[in-house]
PDB file of N, CA and C in Angstrom:
ATOM      1  N   MET A   1       0.835  -1.184   0.000  1.00  0.00           N
ATOM      2  CA  MET A   1       0.000   0.000   0.000  1.00  0.00           C
ATOM      3  C   MET A   1       0.882   1.250   0.000  1.00  0.00           C
ATOM      4  N   MET A   2       0.634   2.167  -0.914  1.00  0.00           N
ATOM      5  CA  MET A   2       1.434   3.367  -1.048  1.00  0.00           C
ATOM      6  C   MET A   2       0.961   4.415  -0.046  1.00  0.00           C
ATOM      7  N   GLU A   3       1.905   5.037   0.637  1.00  0.00           N
ATOM      8  CA  GLU A   3       1.563   6.093   1.570  1.00  0.00           C
ATOM      9  C   GLU A   3       1.545   7.415   0.832  1.00  0.00           C
ATOM     10  N   ALA A   4       0.439   8.134   0.958  1.00  0.00           N
ATOM     11  CA  ALA A   4       0.283   9.407   0.258  1.00  0.00           C
ATOM     12  C   ALA A   4       1.340  10.419   0.681  1.00  0.00           C
ATOM     13  N   ALA A   5       1.811  10.351   1.910  1.00  0.00           N
ATOM     14  CA  ALA A   5       2.794  11.315   2.405  1.00  0.00           C
ATOM     15  C   ALA A   5       4.134  11.197   1.682  1.00  0.00           C
ATOM     16  N   ASN A   6       4.430  10.049   1.091  1.00  0.00           N
ATOM     17  CA  ASN A   6       5.704   9.854   0.411  1.00  0.00           C
ATOM     18  C   ASN A   6       5.663  10.201  -1.069  1.00  0.00           C
ATOM     19  N   VAL A   7       4.515  10.574  -1.575  1.00  0.00           N
ATOM     20  CA  VAL A   7       4.364  10.902  -2.986  1.00  0.00           C
ATOM     21  C   VAL A   7       4.215  12.418  -3.119  1.00  0.00           C
ATOM     22  N   HIS A   8       5.115  13.017  -3.885  1.00  0.00           N
ATOM     23  CA  HIS A   8       5.085  14.468  -4.069  1.00  0.00           C
ATOM     24  C   HIS A   8       4.739  14.766  -5.519  1.00  0.00           C
ATOM     25  N   ASN A   9       3.473  14.945  -5.781  1.00  0.00           N
ATOM     26  CA  ASN A   9       3.020  15.219  -7.129  1.00  0.00           C
ATOM     27  C   ASN A   9       2.790  16.704  -7.325  1.00  0.00           C
ATOM     28  N   LYS A  10       2.866  17.124  -8.550  1.00  0.00           N
ATOM     29  CA  LYS A  10       2.603  18.510  -8.918  1.00  0.00           C
ATOM     30  C   LYS A  10       1.470  18.524  -9.930  1.00  0.00           C
ATOM     31  N   LEU A  11       0.644  19.527  -9.842  1.00  0.00           N
ATOM     32  CA  LEU A  11      -0.440  19.726 -10.798  1.00  0.00           C
ATOM     33  C   LEU A  11      -0.110  20.948 -11.625  1.00  0.00           C
ATOM     34  N   ILE A  12      -0.085  20.775 -12.931  1.00  0.00           N
ATOM     35  CA  ILE A  12       0.206  21.875 -13.843  1.00  0.00           C
ATOM     36  C   ILE A  12      -1.065  22.187 -14.621  1.00  0.00           C
ATOM     37  N   LEU A  13      -1.454  23.440 -14.624  1.00  0.00           N
ATOM     38  CA  LEU A  13      -2.562  23.920 -15.445  1.00  0.00           C
ATOM     39  C   LEU A  13      -1.966  24.858 -16.485  1.00  0.00           C
ATOM     40  N   ALA A  14      -2.271  24.612 -17.731  1.00  0.00           N
ATOM     41  CA  ALA A  14      -1.755  25.457 -18.809  1.00  0.00           C
ATOM     42  C   ALA A  14      -2.906  25.887 -19.704  1.00  0.00           C
ATOM     43  N   VAL A  15      -2.960  27.167 -19.987  1.00  0.00           N
ATOM     44  CA  VAL A  15      -3.964  27.702 -20.908  1.00  0.00           C
ATOM     45  C   VAL A  15      -3.273  27.910 -22.252  1.00  0.00           C
ATOM     46  N   VAL A  16      -3.753  27.228 -23.273  1.00  0.00           N
ATOM     47  CA  VAL A  16      -3.165  27.335 -24.605  1.00  0.00           C
ATOM     48  C   VAL A  16      -4.227  27.763 -25.604  1.00  0.00           C
ATOM     49  N   GLN A  17      -3.787  28.401 -26.650  1.00  0.00           N
ATOM     50  CA  GLN A  17      -4.711  28.773 -27.714  1.00  0.00           C
ATOM     51  C   GLN A  17      -5.192  27.504 -28.408  1.00  0.00           C
ATOM     52  N   GLU A  18      -6.419  27.540 -28.872  1.00  0.00           N
ATOM     53  CA  GLU A  18      -6.994  26.376 -29.552  1.00  0.00           C
ATOM     54  C   GLU A  18      -6.111  25.912 -30.706  1.00  0.00           C
ATOM     55  N   ASP A  19      -5.515  26.863 -31.433  1.00  0.00           N
ATOM     56  CA  ASP A  19      -4.663  26.527 -32.577  1.00  0.00           C
ATOM     57  C   ASP A  19      -3.423  25.728 -32.160  1.00  0.00           C
ATOM     58  N   ASP A  20      -2.971  25.906 -30.927  1.00  0.00           N
ATOM     59  CA  ASP A  20      -1.759  25.249 -30.443  1.00  0.00           C
ATOM     60  C   ASP A  20      -2.036  23.973 -29.667  1.00  0.00           C
ATOM     61  N   TYR A  21      -3.288  23.665 -29.403  1.00  0.00           N
ATOM     62  CA  TYR A  21      -3.652  22.537 -28.551  1.00  0.00           C
ATOM     63  C   TYR A  21      -3.121  21.207 -29.094  1.00  0.00           C
ATOM     64  N   ASP A  22      -3.403  20.887 -30.342  1.00  0.00           N
ATOM     65  CA  ASP A  22      -3.005  19.589 -30.909  1.00  0.00           C
ATOM     66  C   ASP A  22      -1.493  19.375 -30.838  1.00  0.00           C
ATOM     67  N   THR A  23      -0.722  20.375 -31.209  1.00  0.00           N
ATOM     68  CA  THR A  23       0.735  20.262 -31.182  1.00  0.00           C
ATOM     69  C   THR A  23       1.250  20.112 -29.758  1.00  0.00           C
ATOM     70  N   THR A  24       0.707  20.902 -28.847  1.00  0.00           N
ATOM     71  CA  THR A  24       1.131  20.858 -27.449  1.00  0.00           C
ATOM     72  C   THR A  24       0.870  19.492 -26.839  1.00  0.00           C
ATOM     73  N   VAL A  25      -0.344  18.986 -27.007  1.00  0.00           N
ATOM     74  CA  VAL A  25      -0.708  17.693 -26.431  1.00  0.00           C
ATOM     75  C   VAL A  25       0.089  16.567 -27.091  1.00  0.00           C
ATOM     76  N   SER A  26       0.296  16.641 -28.375  1.00  0.00           N
ATOM     77  CA  SER A  26       1.066  15.631 -29.081  1.00  0.00           C
ATOM     78  C   SER A  26       2.496  15.564 -28.540  1.00  0.00           C
ATOM     79  N   GLU A  27       3.131  16.708 -28.364  1.00  0.00           N
ATOM     80  CA  GLU A  27       4.502  16.754 -27.828  1.00  0.00           C
ATOM     81  C   GLU A  27       4.550  16.208 -26.403  1.00  0.00           C
ATOM     82  N   LEU A  28       3.578  16.577 -25.586  1.00  0.00           N
ATOM     83  CA  LEU A  28       3.535  16.071 -24.215  1.00  0.00           C
ATOM     84  C   LEU A  28       3.370  14.551 -24.209  1.00  0.00           C
ATOM     85  N   ASN A  29       2.444  14.048 -25.030  1.00  0.00           N
ATOM     86  CA  ASN A  29       2.200  12.605 -25.105  1.00  0.00           C
ATOM     87  C   ASN A  29       3.440  11.852 -25.568  1.00  0.00           C
ATOM     88  N   GLN A  30       4.142  12.378 -26.556  1.00  0.00           N
ATOM     89  CA  GLN A  30       5.340  11.722 -27.069  1.00  0.00           C
ATOM     90  C   GLN A  30       6.449  11.652 -26.019  1.00  0.00           C
ATOM     91  N   ASN A  31       6.376  12.556 -25.033  1.00  0.00           N
ATOM     92  CA  ASN A  31       7.376  12.579 -23.969  1.00  0.00           C
ATOM     93  C   ASN A  31       6.875  11.929 -22.683  1.00  0.00           C
ATOM     94  N   GLY A  32       5.779  11.179 -22.787  1.00  0.00           N
ATOM     95  CA  GLY A  32       5.296  10.409 -21.650  1.00  0.00           C
ATOM     96  C   GLY A  32       4.373  11.133 -20.702  1.00  0.00           C
ATOM     97  N   PHE A  33       3.888  12.301 -21.090  1.00  0.00           N
ATOM     98  CA  PHE A  33       2.958  13.063 -20.259  1.00  0.00           C
ATOM     99  C   PHE A  33       1.572  13.002 -20.898  1.00  0.00           C
ATOM    100  N   PHE A  34       0.573  12.753 -20.074  1.00  0.00           N
ATOM    101  CA  PHE A  34      -0.795  12.674 -20.576  1.00  0.00           C
ATOM    102  C   PHE A  34      -1.631  13.715 -19.868  1.00  0.00           C
ATOM    103  N   VAL A  35      -2.543  14.334 -20.586  1.00  0.00           N
ATOM    104  CA  VAL A  35      -3.263  15.502 -20.087  1.00  0.00           C
ATOM    105  C   VAL A  35      -4.770  15.284 -20.093  1.00  0.00           C
ATOM    106  N   THR A  36      -5.429  16.138 -19.355  1.00  0.00           N
ATOM    107  CA  THR A  36      -6.876  16.218 -19.368  1.00  0.00           C
ATOM    108  C   THR A  36      -7.251  17.607 -19.856  1.00  0.00           C
ATOM    109  N   MET A  37      -8.176  17.684 -20.776  1.00  0.00           N
ATOM    110  CA  MET A  37      -8.617  18.964 -21.307  1.00  0.00           C
ATOM    111  C   MET A  37      -9.781  19.474 -20.481  1.00  0.00           C
ATOM    112  N   LEU A  38      -9.720  20.742 -20.112  1.00  0.00           N
ATOM    113  CA  LEU A  38     -10.808  21.402 -19.417  1.00  0.00           C
ATOM    114  C   LEU A  38     -11.383  22.465 -20.336  1.00  0.00           C
ATOM    115  N   SER A  39     -12.669  22.560 -20.360  1.00  0.00           N
ATOM    116  CA  SER A  39     -13.323  23.554 -21.194  1.00  0.00           C
ATOM    117  C   SER A  39     -13.039  24.948 -20.654  1.00  0.00           C
ATOM    118  N   SER A  40     -12.613  25.838 -21.517  1.00  0.00           N
ATOM    119  CA  SER A  40     -12.323  27.216 -21.131  1.00  0.00           C
ATOM    120  C   SER A  40     -13.264  28.157 -21.865  1.00  0.00           C
ATOM    121  N   THR A  41     -13.617  29.206 -21.179  1.00  0.00           N
ATOM    122  CA  THR A  41     -14.412  30.243 -21.824  1.00  0.00           C
ATOM    123  C   THR A  41     -13.682  31.564 -21.660  1.00  0.00           C
ATOM    124  N   GLY A  42     -13.997  32.478 -22.509  1.00  0.00           N
ATOM    125  CA  GLY A  42     -13.353  33.776 -22.453  1.00  0.00           C
ATOM    126  C   GLY A  42     -12.473  33.970 -23.664  1.00  0.00           C
ATOM    127  N   GLY A  43     -11.878  35.133 -23.748  1.00  0.00           N
ATOM    128  CA  GLY A  43     -11.046  35.435 -24.894  1.00  0.00           C
ATOM    129  C   GLY A  43      -9.763  36.105 -24.481  1.00  0.00           C
ATOM    130  N   PHE A  44      -8.894  35.367 -23.811  1.00  0.00           N
ATOM    131  CA  PHE A  44      -7.643  35.942 -23.324  1.00  0.00           C
ATOM    132  C   PHE A  44      -6.860  36.584 -24.465  1.00  0.00           C
ATOM    133  N   TRP A  45      -6.751  35.896 -25.577  1.00  0.00           N
ATOM    134  CA  TRP A  45      -6.100  36.453 -26.765  1.00  0.00           C
ATOM    135  C   TRP A  45      -7.117  36.718 -27.864  1.00  0.00           C
ATOM    136  N   LYS A  46      -8.357  36.876 -27.469  1.00  0.00           N
ATOM    137  CA  LYS A  46      -9.473  37.062 -28.391  1.00  0.00           C
ATOM    138  C   LYS A  46      -9.626  35.861 -29.318  1.00  0.00           C
ATOM    139  N   LYS A  47      -9.173  34.716 -28.849  1.00  0.00           N
ATOM    140  CA  LYS A  47      -9.343  33.444 -29.536  1.00  0.00           C
ATOM    141  C   LYS A  47      -9.807  32.432 -28.506  1.00  0.00           C
ATOM    142  N   LYS A  48     -10.338  31.322 -28.977  1.00  0.00           N
ATOM    143  CA  LYS A  48     -10.762  30.278 -28.060  1.00  0.00           C
ATOM    144  C   LYS A  48      -9.538  29.658 -27.405  1.00  0.00           C
ATOM    145  N   ASN A  49      -9.635  29.444 -26.098  1.00  0.00           N
ATOM    146  CA  ASN A  49      -8.542  28.851 -25.330  1.00  0.00           C
ATOM    147  C   ASN A  49      -8.960  27.492 -24.808  1.00  0.00           C
ATOM    148  N   ILE A  50      -7.972  26.672 -24.535  1.00  0.00           N
ATOM    149  CA  ILE A  50      -8.205  25.365 -23.943  1.00  0.00           C
ATOM    150  C   ILE A  50      -7.252  25.242 -22.759  1.00  0.00           C
ATOM    151  N   THR A  51      -7.786  24.805 -21.625  1.00  0.00           N
ATOM    152  CA  THR A  51      -6.968  24.597 -20.442  1.00  0.00           C
ATOM    153  C   THR A  51      -6.639  23.113 -20.361  1.00  0.00           C
ATOM    154  N   ILE A  52      -5.358  22.809 -20.215  1.00  0.00           N
ATOM    155  CA  ILE A  52      -4.966  21.414 -20.044  1.00  0.00           C
ATOM    156  C   ILE A  52      -4.457  21.227 -18.618  1.00  0.00           C
ATOM    157  N   MET A  53      -4.766  20.077 -18.059  1.00  0.00           N
ATOM    158  CA  MET A  53      -4.366  19.738 -16.701  1.00  0.00           C
ATOM    159  C   MET A  53      -3.432  18.539 -16.791  1.00  0.00           C
ATOM    160  N   LEU A  54      -2.325  18.628 -16.084  1.00  0.00           N
ATOM    161  CA  LEU A  54      -1.271  17.633 -16.180  1.00  0.00           C
ATOM    162  C   LEU A  54      -0.740  17.332 -14.779  1.00  0.00           C
ATOM    163  N   GLY A  55      -0.809  16.081 -14.369  1.00  0.00           N
ATOM    164  CA  GLY A  55      -0.263  15.673 -13.086  1.00  0.00           C
ATOM    165  C   GLY A  55       1.088  14.997 -13.288  1.00  0.00           C
ATOM    166  N   VAL A  56       2.093  15.450 -12.544  1.00  0.00           N
ATOM    167  CA  VAL A  56       3.456  14.959 -12.722  1.00  0.00           C
ATOM    168  C   VAL A  56       4.110  14.770 -11.354  1.00  0.00           C
ATOM    169  N   ARG A  57       4.880  13.710 -11.209  1.00  0.00           N
ATOM    170  CA  ARG A  57       5.659  13.533  -9.983  1.00  0.00           C
ATOM    171  C   ARG A  57       6.831  14.507  -9.988  1.00  0.00           C
ATOM    172  N   ARG A  58       7.143  15.020  -8.835  1.00  0.00           N
ATOM    173  CA  ARG A  58       8.202  16.026  -8.710  1.00  0.00           C
ATOM    174  C   ARG A  58       9.523  15.543  -9.292  1.00  0.00           C
ATOM    175  N   ARG A  59       9.907  14.297  -9.017  1.00  0.00           N
ATOM    176  CA  ARG A  59      11.198  13.813  -9.522  1.00  0.00           C
ATOM    177  C   ARG A  59      11.211  13.729 -11.041  1.00  0.00           C
ATOM    178  N   VAL A  60      10.050  13.491 -11.664  1.00  0.00           N
ATOM    179  CA  VAL A  60       9.976  13.471 -13.126  1.00  0.00           C
ATOM    180  C   VAL A  60      10.188  14.872 -13.666  1.00  0.00           C
ATOM    181  N   LEU A  61       9.648  15.879 -12.988  1.00  0.00           N
ATOM    182  CA  LEU A  61       9.882  17.260 -13.415  1.00  0.00           C
ATOM    183  C   LEU A  61      11.368  17.583 -13.392  1.00  0.00           C
ATOM    184  N   ARG A  62      12.030  17.166 -12.349  1.00  0.00           N
ATOM    185  CA  ARG A  62      13.475  17.428 -12.250  1.00  0.00           C
ATOM    186  C   ARG A  62      14.252  16.693 -13.334  1.00  0.00           C
ATOM    187  N   MET A  63      13.876  15.411 -13.577  1.00  0.00           N
ATOM    188  CA  MET A  63      14.576  14.616 -14.578  1.00  0.00           C
ATOM    189  C   MET A  63      14.364  15.171 -15.979  1.00  0.00           C
ATOM    190  N   ARG A  64      13.178  15.688 -16.257  1.00  0.00           N
ATOM    191  CA  ARG A  64      12.860  16.197 -17.599  1.00  0.00           C
ATOM    192  C   ARG A  64      13.186  17.656 -17.745  1.00  0.00           C
ATOM    193  N   CYS A  65      13.665  18.285 -16.691  1.00  0.00           N
ATOM    194  CA  CYS A  65      14.092  19.685 -16.708  1.00  0.00           C
ATOM    195  C   CYS A  65      12.972  20.645 -17.093  1.00  0.00           C
ATOM    196  N   LEU A  66      11.753  20.356 -16.666  1.00  0.00           N
ATOM    197  CA  LEU A  66      10.659  21.277 -16.935  1.00  0.00           C
ATOM    198  C   LEU A  66      10.706  22.471 -15.989  1.00  0.00           C
ATOM    199  N   PHE A  67      11.128  22.232 -14.739  1.00  0.00           N
ATOM    200  CA  PHE A  67      11.184  23.305 -13.754  1.00  0.00           C
ATOM    201  C   PHE A  67      12.458  23.210 -12.965  1.00  0.00           C
TER     202      PHE A  67
END
């Protein structure tokens, strides 16, 4: 049984333009990251936006040099 206290996960929320969604998700998937799409409303760049949610273990972030 895994103890929750020993797992240090990070939640990343990213707002991307609709035009960039397919490329962004494809690149993430090819690198072993899988995302959940959340419906976004509004016009941050006066274009439709899509929010992606990504859960990652802290050590994976360090290994992949994302942060």
